[in-house]
Amino acid sequence: MKGKILAKNSNWTFGGKVAKKFDEHIKRSVPYYIEANNLVLELSDFFVSKNSYCYDIGSSTGNLLFNLNSRHKDKKIKFIGIDVEKDMIRHSNSKIKQNQKNLKFVHNNIEKYRLKKSDLIISLYTMQFISPKKRVAILKKIYDALNWGGAFIIFEKIRAPDARFQDLYSQIYNEFKLKERHTPFEIINKSKSLKGILEPFSDAGNLKLLKTAGFIDITPIFQWVCFKGYICIK
């Protein structure tokens, strides 16, 4: 089946052949993924300005930055995607046209990459794959890189505040995946492959992290059961 990705126990990766199937897979795995991307495009109008920088952390196949570039093509903004997977970066860079020299995709770890002062930084379903012990330092780095009045837009999978709600979250999400024609085997295989790799926090946990990093002005902009988006303004 198109978009089908299988992985070994506790060994999920976005490398290898995943890049070629990623766009189809993510649409069938994350509810309202396209709508979340479109929301980022709408919100970007309020923050990006001429000659500024915009970063996408965990840029995967680069679609969001290509769309942002098209939307703001007259502002001469530097759009930079950062991803730890070489295959994702190779795939993204292969799509850059000659008149898109302000677009760049970099193979690097956000812990090591030096961010320039920017007006908008984006992280869509990326932080949840970073070791919890490293998240505060990375979020602090993002906060420090933003210009005053700049925005950080983050979407994450979230855990429920207690076991009963978590059971509701899990069952509704599994129903979504079945409706998207994932087989029960695929659902179980994916869950097993993500053990120890995907570590989502609760809504309260994410807010605490963001505030610890320095953000004060934070508001939710999206939620579908166990997926939530926030905008944080410096």
C-alpha atoms as a PDB file:
ATOM      1  CA  MET A   1       0.000   0.000   0.000  1.00  0.00           C
ATOM      2  CA  LYS A   2       1.192   3.514  -0.798  1.00  0.00           C
ATOM      3  CA  GLY A   3       2.734   5.162   2.270  1.00  0.00           C
ATOM      4  CA  LYS A   4       3.185   1.844   4.093  1.00  0.00           C
ATOM      5  CA  ILE A   5       6.195   1.905   6.436  1.00  0.00           C
ATOM      6  CA  LEU A   6       7.250  -0.970   8.690  1.00  0.00           C
ATOM      7  CA  ALA A   7       9.981  -0.882  11.328  1.00  0.00           C
ATOM      8  CA  LYS A   8      11.621  -3.161  13.901  1.00  0.00           C
ATOM      9  CA  ASN A   9      10.862  -3.199  17.607  1.00  0.00           C
ATOM     10  CA  SER A  10      12.002   0.006  19.381  1.00  0.00           C
ATOM     11  CA  ASN A  11      13.861   1.007  16.228  1.00  0.00           C
ATOM     12  CA  TRP A  12      11.787   3.631  14.381  1.00  0.00           C
ATOM     13  CA  THR A  13      13.772   5.886  12.062  1.00  0.00           C
ATOM     14  CA  PHE A  14      12.968   8.606   9.539  1.00  0.00           C
ATOM     15  CA  GLY A  15      15.988   7.625   7.460  1.00  0.00           C
ATOM     16  CA  GLY A  16      16.397   5.210   4.557  1.00  0.00           C
ATOM     17  CA  LYS A  17      13.354   4.758   2.320  1.00  0.00           C
ATOM     18  CA  VAL A  18      11.049   6.673   4.689  1.00  0.00           C
ATOM     19  CA  ALA A  19      11.720  10.012   2.956  1.00  0.00           C
ATOM     20  CA  LYS A  20      10.069   8.855  -0.280  1.00  0.00           C
ATOM     21  CA  LYS A  21       6.942   7.649   1.533  1.00  0.00           C
ATOM     22  CA  PHE A  22       6.856  10.248   4.300  1.00  0.00           C
ATOM     23  CA  ASP A  23       4.374  12.739   2.845  1.00  0.00           C
ATOM     24  CA  GLU A  24       1.715  10.109   2.233  1.00  0.00           C
ATOM     25  CA  HIS A  25       2.423   8.358   5.527  1.00  0.00           C
ATOM     26  CA  ILE A  26       2.184  11.471   7.688  1.00  0.00           C
ATOM     27  CA  LYS A  27      -1.155  12.511   6.171  1.00  0.00           C
ATOM     28  CA  ARG A  28      -2.561   9.099   7.076  1.00  0.00           C
ATOM     29  CA  SER A  29      -0.969   9.053  10.539  1.00  0.00           C
ATOM     30  CA  VAL A  30      -1.420  12.564  11.970  1.00  0.00           C
ATOM     31  CA  PRO A  31      -4.973  13.970  11.919  1.00  0.00           C
ATOM     32  CA  TYR A  32      -5.325  17.354  10.185  1.00  0.00           C
ATOM     33  CA  TYR A  33      -1.634  17.464   9.276  1.00  0.00           C
ATOM     34  CA  ILE A  34      -2.310  19.481   6.110  1.00  0.00           C
ATOM     35  CA  GLU A  35      -4.571  21.854   8.034  1.00  0.00           C
ATOM     36  CA  ALA A  36      -1.835  22.358  10.642  1.00  0.00           C
ATOM     37  CA  ASN A  37       0.607  23.287   7.881  1.00  0.00           C
ATOM     38  CA  ASN A  38      -1.921  25.707   6.392  1.00  0.00           C
ATOM     39  CA  LEU A  39      -2.451  27.274   9.805  1.00  0.00           C
ATOM     40  CA  VAL A  40       1.298  27.905  10.078  1.00  0.00           C
ATOM     41  CA  LEU A  41       1.174  29.616   6.677  1.00  0.00           C
ATOM     42  CA  GLU A  42      -1.638  31.906   7.859  1.00  0.00           C
ATOM     43  CA  LEU A  43       0.117  32.747  11.124  1.00  0.00           C
ATOM     44  CA  SER A  44       3.417  33.470   9.378  1.00  0.00           C
ATOM     45  CA  ASP A  45       1.888  36.646   7.904  1.00  0.00           C
ATOM     46  CA  PHE A  46       1.989  38.236  11.357  1.00  0.00           C
ATOM     47  CA  PHE A  47       5.673  37.582  12.014  1.00  0.00           C
ATOM     48  CA  VAL A  48       7.986  37.238   9.015  1.00  0.00           C
ATOM     49  CA  SER A  49       9.414  40.453   7.629  1.00  0.00           C
ATOM     50  CA  LYS A  50      11.749  41.476   4.838  1.00  0.00           C
ATOM     51  CA  ASN A  51      15.273  40.028   5.020  1.00  0.00           C
ATOM     52  CA  SER A  52      14.531  38.021   8.174  1.00  0.00           C
ATOM     53  CA  TYR A  53      15.242  34.366   8.972  1.00  0.00           C
ATOM     54  CA  CYS A  54      12.749  31.541   9.390  1.00  0.00           C
ATOM     55  CA  TYR A  55      13.708  28.066  10.634  1.00  0.00           C
ATOM     56  CA  ASP A  56      11.880  24.755  10.444  1.00  0.00           C
ATOM     57  CA  ILE A  57      13.258  22.293  12.997  1.00  0.00           C
ATOM     58  CA  GLY A  58      12.673  18.759  11.782  1.00  0.00           C
ATOM     59  CA  SER A  59      11.876  19.923   8.259  1.00  0.00           C
ATOM     60  CA  SER A  60      11.434  16.369   6.831  1.00  0.00           C
ATOM     61  CA  THR A  61      10.670  16.664   3.093  1.00  0.00           C
ATOM     62  CA  GLY A  62      10.633  20.468   3.196  1.00  0.00           C
ATOM     63  CA  ASN A  63       7.071  21.057   1.995  1.00  0.00           C
ATOM     64  CA  LEU A  64       6.235  23.608   4.665  1.00  0.00           C
ATOM     65  CA  LEU A  65       9.222  25.811   3.846  1.00  0.00           C
ATOM     66  CA  PHE A  66       8.542  25.599   0.107  1.00  0.00           C
ATOM     67  CA  ASN A  67       4.993  26.786   0.760  1.00  0.00           C
ATOM     68  CA  LEU A  68       6.189  29.554   3.097  1.00  0.00           C
ATOM     69  CA  ASN A  69       8.665  30.683   0.474  1.00  0.00           C
ATOM     70  CA  SER A  70       5.914  30.881  -2.152  1.00  0.00           C
ATOM     71  CA  ARG A  71       3.702  32.848   0.207  1.00  0.00           C
ATOM     72  CA  HIS A  72       6.410  35.394   1.078  1.00  0.00           C
ATOM     73  CA  LYS A  73       8.423  35.376  -2.147  1.00  0.00           C
ATOM     74  CA  ASP A  74       8.797  39.186  -2.254  1.00  0.00           C
ATOM     75  CA  LYS A  75      10.223  39.562   1.255  1.00  0.00           C
ATOM     76  CA  LYS A  76      13.670  38.040   0.616  1.00  0.00           C
ATOM     77  CA  ILE A  77      13.471  35.819   3.682  1.00  0.00           C
ATOM     78  CA  LYS A  78      16.062  33.125   4.407  1.00  0.00           C
ATOM     79  CA  PHE A  79      14.205  29.851   4.946  1.00  0.00           C
ATOM     80  CA  ILE A  80      16.324  27.151   6.564  1.00  0.00           C
ATOM     81  CA  GLY A  81      15.227  23.606   7.300  1.00  0.00           C
ATOM     82  CA  ILE A  82      17.157  21.508   9.807  1.00  0.00           C
ATOM     83  CA  ASP A  83      16.889  17.734  10.056  1.00  0.00           C
ATOM     84  CA  VAL A  84      19.043  14.948  11.500  1.00  0.00           C
ATOM     85  CA  GLU A  85      18.198  12.573   8.644  1.00  0.00           C
ATOM     86  CA  LYS A  86      20.456  12.829   5.593  1.00  0.00           C
ATOM     87  CA  ASP A  87      17.870  11.253   3.318  1.00  0.00           C
ATOM     88  CA  MET A  88      15.269  13.871   4.265  1.00  0.00           C
ATOM     89  CA  ILE A  89      17.746  16.688   3.594  1.00  0.00           C
ATOM     90  CA  ARG A  90      18.870  15.146   0.312  1.00  0.00           C
ATOM     91  CA  HIS A  91      15.239  14.787  -0.787  1.00  0.00           C
ATOM     92  CA  SER A  92      14.417  18.400   0.203  1.00  0.00           C
ATOM     93  CA  ASN A  93      17.467  19.918  -1.481  1.00  0.00           C
ATOM     94  CA  SER A  94      16.716  18.008  -4.688  1.00  0.00           C
ATOM     95  CA  LYS A  95      13.462  19.982  -5.009  1.00  0.00           C
ATOM     96  CA  ILE A  96      15.066  23.454  -4.808  1.00  0.00           C
ATOM     97  CA  LYS A  97      14.851  25.353  -8.079  1.00  0.00           C
ATOM     98  CA  GLN A  98      17.410  27.832  -9.386  1.00  0.00           C
ATOM     99  CA  ASN A  99      15.293  30.829  -8.348  1.00  0.00           C
ATOM    100  CA  GLN A 100      14.936  29.540  -4.772  1.00  0.00           C
ATOM    101  CA  LYS A 101      18.419  30.317  -3.490  1.00  0.00           C
ATOM    102  CA  ASN A 102      16.989  31.686  -0.240  1.00  0.00           C
ATOM    103  CA  LEU A 103      15.907  28.136   0.639  1.00  0.00           C
ATOM    104  CA  LYS A 104      18.380  25.807   2.334  1.00  0.00           C
ATOM    105  CA  PHE A 105      18.113  22.444   4.046  1.00  0.00           C
ATOM    106  CA  VAL A 106      20.836  21.498   6.488  1.00  0.00           C
ATOM    107  CA  HIS A 107      21.775  18.091   7.846  1.00  0.00           C
ATOM    108  CA  ASN A 108      22.458  18.843  11.494  1.00  0.00           C
ATOM    109  CA  ASN A 109      21.313  18.359  15.062  1.00  0.00           C
ATOM    110  CA  ILE A 110      19.464  21.340  16.530  1.00  0.00           C
ATOM    111  CA  GLU A 111      21.589  20.971  19.678  1.00  0.00           C
ATOM    112  CA  LYS A 112      24.689  21.815  17.647  1.00  0.00           C
ATOM    113  CA  TYR A 113      23.295  24.152  15.009  1.00  0.00           C
ATOM    114  CA  ARG A 114      23.798  27.881  15.548  1.00  0.00           C
ATOM    115  CA  LEU A 115      20.557  29.745  14.960  1.00  0.00           C
ATOM    116  CA  LYS A 116      20.664  33.315  13.722  1.00  0.00           C
ATOM    117  CA  LYS A 117      18.248  35.938  15.009  1.00  0.00           C
ATOM    118  CA  SER A 118      14.894  35.140  13.466  1.00  0.00           C
ATOM    119  CA  ASP A 119      11.259  36.176  13.421  1.00  0.00           C
ATOM    120  CA  LEU A 120       9.708  32.727  13.124  1.00  0.00           C
ATOM    121  CA  ILE A 121      10.808  29.255  14.207  1.00  0.00           C
ATOM    122  CA  ILE A 122       8.654  26.190  13.582  1.00  0.00           C
ATOM    123  CA  SER A 123       8.692  22.682  15.010  1.00  0.00           C
ATOM    124  CA  LEU A 124       5.965  20.323  13.820  1.00  0.00           C
ATOM    125  CA  TYR A 125       5.891  17.018  15.673  1.00  0.00           C
ATOM    126  CA  THR A 126       9.660  17.030  16.218  1.00  0.00           C
ATOM    127  CA  MET A 127      10.327  17.790  19.884  1.00  0.00           C
ATOM    128  CA  GLN A 128       8.519  14.598  20.896  1.00  0.00           C
ATOM    129  CA  PHE A 129      11.349  12.595  19.299  1.00  0.00           C
ATOM    130  CA  ILE A 130      14.094  14.437  21.205  1.00  0.00           C
ATOM    131  CA  SER A 131      15.298  13.040  24.522  1.00  0.00           C
ATOM    132  CA  PRO A 132      13.291  14.701  27.342  1.00  0.00           C
ATOM    133  CA  LYS A 133      16.481  15.666  29.194  1.00  0.00           C
ATOM    134  CA  LYS A 134      17.567  17.781  26.210  1.00  0.00           C
ATOM    135  CA  ARG A 135      14.315  19.617  25.501  1.00  0.00           C
ATOM    136  CA  VAL A 136      14.617  22.549  27.904  1.00  0.00           C
ATOM    137  CA  ALA A 137      18.059  23.494  26.557  1.00  0.00           C
ATOM    138  CA  ILE A 138      16.807  23.309  22.966  1.00  0.00           C
ATOM    139  CA  LEU A 139      13.702  25.377  23.715  1.00  0.00           C
ATOM    140  CA  LYS A 140      15.876  27.931  25.530  1.00  0.00           C
ATOM    141  CA  LYS A 141      18.084  28.078  22.433  1.00  0.00           C
ATOM    142  CA  ILE A 142      15.004  28.745  20.301  1.00  0.00           C
ATOM    143  CA  TYR A 143      13.777  31.443  22.681  1.00  0.00           C
ATOM    144  CA  ASP A 144      17.163  33.184  22.649  1.00  0.00           C
ATOM    145  CA  ALA A 145      17.308  33.088  18.825  1.00  0.00           C
ATOM    146  CA  LEU A 146      13.988  34.855  18.342  1.00  0.00           C
ATOM    147  CA  ASN A 147      13.803  38.588  17.857  1.00  0.00           C
ATOM    148  CA  TRP A 148      11.568  40.411  20.311  1.00  0.00           C
ATOM    149  CA  GLY A 149       8.029  39.872  19.060  1.00  0.00           C
ATOM    150  CA  GLY A 150       9.054  36.797  17.089  1.00  0.00           C
ATOM    151  CA  ALA A 151       7.098  33.550  17.301  1.00  0.00           C
ATOM    152  CA  PHE A 152       7.749  29.886  17.933  1.00  0.00           C
ATOM    153  CA  ILE A 153       5.049  27.560  16.578  1.00  0.00           C
ATOM    154  CA  ILE A 154       5.139  24.034  17.922  1.00  0.00           C
ATOM    155  CA  PHE A 155       2.868  21.050  17.316  1.00  0.00           C
ATOM    156  CA  GLU A 156       3.208  17.902  19.411  1.00  0.00           C
ATOM    157  CA  LYS A 157       1.497  14.663  20.187  1.00  0.00           C
ATOM    158  CA  ILE A 158       0.385  14.862  23.812  1.00  0.00           C
ATOM    159  CA  ARG A 159      -0.365  12.445  26.626  1.00  0.00           C
ATOM    160  CA  ALA A 160      -3.595  12.779  28.570  1.00  0.00           C
ATOM    161  CA  PRO A 161      -3.623  14.106  32.157  1.00  0.00           C
ATOM    162  CA  ASP A 162      -4.741  10.750  33.602  1.00  0.00           C
ATOM    163  CA  ALA A 163      -5.209   7.088  32.694  1.00  0.00           C
ATOM    164  CA  ARG A 164      -8.916   7.309  31.883  1.00  0.00           C
ATOM    165  CA  PHE A 165      -8.432  10.131  29.373  1.00  0.00           C
ATOM    166  CA  GLN A 166      -5.343   8.406  27.971  1.00  0.00           C
ATOM    167  CA  ASP A 167      -7.497   5.364  27.238  1.00  0.00           C
ATOM    168  CA  LEU A 168      -9.950   7.617  25.360  1.00  0.00           C
ATOM    169  CA  TYR A 169      -7.095   9.266  23.442  1.00  0.00           C
ATOM    170  CA  SER A 170      -5.601   5.921  22.411  1.00  0.00           C
ATOM    171  CA  GLN A 171      -8.850   4.336  21.306  1.00  0.00           C
ATOM    172  CA  ILE A 172      -9.994   7.338  19.256  1.00  0.00           C
ATOM    173  CA  TYR A 173      -6.590   7.652  17.606  1.00  0.00           C
ATOM    174  CA  ASN A 174      -6.560   3.951  16.717  1.00  0.00           C
ATOM    175  CA  GLU A 175     -10.011   4.363  15.162  1.00  0.00           C
ATOM    176  CA  PHE A 176      -8.608   7.201  13.056  1.00  0.00           C
ATOM    177  CA  LYS A 177      -5.757   5.008  11.811  1.00  0.00           C
ATOM    178  CA  LEU A 178      -8.131   2.180  10.943  1.00  0.00           C
ATOM    179  CA  LYS A 179     -10.288   4.622   8.962  1.00  0.00           C
ATOM    180  CA  GLU A 180      -7.125   5.660   7.117  1.00  0.00           C
ATOM    181  CA  ARG A 181      -6.734   2.012   6.061  1.00  0.00           C
ATOM    182  CA  HIS A 182      -3.844   1.127   8.339  1.00  0.00           C
ATOM    183  CA  THR A 183      -4.103  -2.551   9.194  1.00  0.00           C
ATOM    184  CA  PRO A 184      -4.106  -3.714  12.842  1.00  0.00           C
ATOM    185  CA  PHE A 185      -0.678  -5.245  12.169  1.00  0.00           C
ATOM    186  CA  GLU A 186       0.690  -1.900  10.926  1.00  0.00           C
ATOM    187  CA  ILE A 187      -0.711  -0.074  13.960  1.00  0.00           C
ATOM    188  CA  ILE A 188       0.874  -2.537  16.396  1.00  0.00           C
ATOM    189  CA  ASN A 189       4.145  -2.609  14.446  1.00  0.00           C
ATOM    190  CA  LYS A 190       4.393   1.196  14.509  1.00  0.00           C
ATOM    191  CA  SER A 191       3.612   1.319  18.224  1.00  0.00           C
ATOM    192  CA  LYS A 192       6.303  -1.264  18.996  1.00  0.00           C
ATOM    193  CA  SER A 193       8.866   0.517  16.806  1.00  0.00           C
ATOM    194  CA  LEU A 194       8.334   3.816  18.679  1.00  0.00           C
ATOM    195  CA  LYS A 195       9.047   2.427  22.159  1.00  0.00           C
ATOM    196  CA  GLY A 196      11.645   4.643  23.835  1.00  0.00           C
ATOM    197  CA  ILE A 197      11.820   6.879  20.739  1.00  0.00           C
ATOM    198  CA  LEU A 198       8.548   8.817  20.808  1.00  0.00           C
ATOM    199  CA  GLU A 199       8.138  10.461  24.246  1.00  0.00           C
ATOM    200  CA  PRO A 200       5.225  12.917  24.221  1.00  0.00           C
ATOM    201  CA  PHE A 201       4.497  15.085  27.258  1.00  0.00           C
ATOM    202  CA  SER A 202       1.115  16.128  28.569  1.00  0.00           C
ATOM    203  CA  ASP A 203      -0.284  19.563  27.778  1.00  0.00           C
ATOM    204  CA  ALA A 204       0.782  20.708  31.259  1.00  0.00           C
ATOM    205  CA  GLY A 205       4.246  19.236  30.710  1.00  0.00           C
ATOM    206  CA  ASN A 206       4.726  21.064  27.412  1.00  0.00           C
ATOM    207  CA  LEU A 207       3.583  24.365  28.910  1.00  0.00           C
ATOM    208  CA  LYS A 208       5.987  23.940  31.827  1.00  0.00           C
ATOM    209  CA  LEU A 209       8.874  23.293  29.415  1.00  0.00           C
ATOM    210  CA  LEU A 210       8.040  26.339  27.306  1.00  0.00           C
ATOM    211  CA  LYS A 211       7.785  28.600  30.348  1.00  0.00           C
ATOM    212  CA  THR A 212      11.037  27.239  31.782  1.00  0.00           C
ATOM    213  CA  ALA A 213      12.704  28.115  28.455  1.00  0.00           C
ATOM    214  CA  GLY A 214      11.549  31.728  28.840  1.00  0.00           C
ATOM    215  CA  PHE A 215       8.241  31.931  26.980  1.00  0.00           C
ATOM    216  CA  ILE A 216       5.467  33.786  28.794  1.00  0.00           C
ATOM    217  CA  ASP A 217       2.947  34.550  26.047  1.00  0.00           C
ATOM    218  CA  ILE A 218       1.689  31.110  24.992  1.00  0.00           C
ATOM    219  CA  THR A 219      -1.680  30.102  23.580  1.00  0.00           C
ATOM    220  CA  PRO A 220      -3.039  26.905  22.005  1.00  0.00           C
ATOM    221  CA  ILE A 221      -3.965  27.192  18.335  1.00  0.00           C
ATOM    222  CA  PHE A 222      -5.057  23.646  17.535  1.00  0.00           C
ATOM    223  CA  GLN A 223      -6.095  20.377  19.144  1.00  0.00           C
ATOM    224  CA  TRP A 224      -7.443  17.071  17.929  1.00  0.00           C
ATOM    225  CA  VAL A 225      -7.575  14.682  20.876  1.00  0.00           C
ATOM    226  CA  CYS A 226      -3.881  13.740  21.367  1.00  0.00           C
ATOM    227  CA  PHE A 227      -2.346  16.277  18.963  1.00  0.00           C
ATOM    228  CA  LYS A 228      -1.915  19.911  19.958  1.00  0.00           C
ATOM    229  CA  GLY A 229      -0.385  23.085  18.575  1.00  0.00           C
ATOM    230  CA  TYR A 230       0.845  26.182  20.401  1.00  0.00           C
ATOM    231  CA  ILE A 231       2.131  29.581  19.425  1.00  0.00           C
ATOM    232  CA  CYS A 232       4.652  31.253  21.721  1.00  0.00           C
ATOM    233  CA  ILE A 233       5.576  34.910  21.266  1.00  0.00           C
ATOM    234  CA  LYS A 234       8.746  36.394  22.706  1.00  0.00           C
END
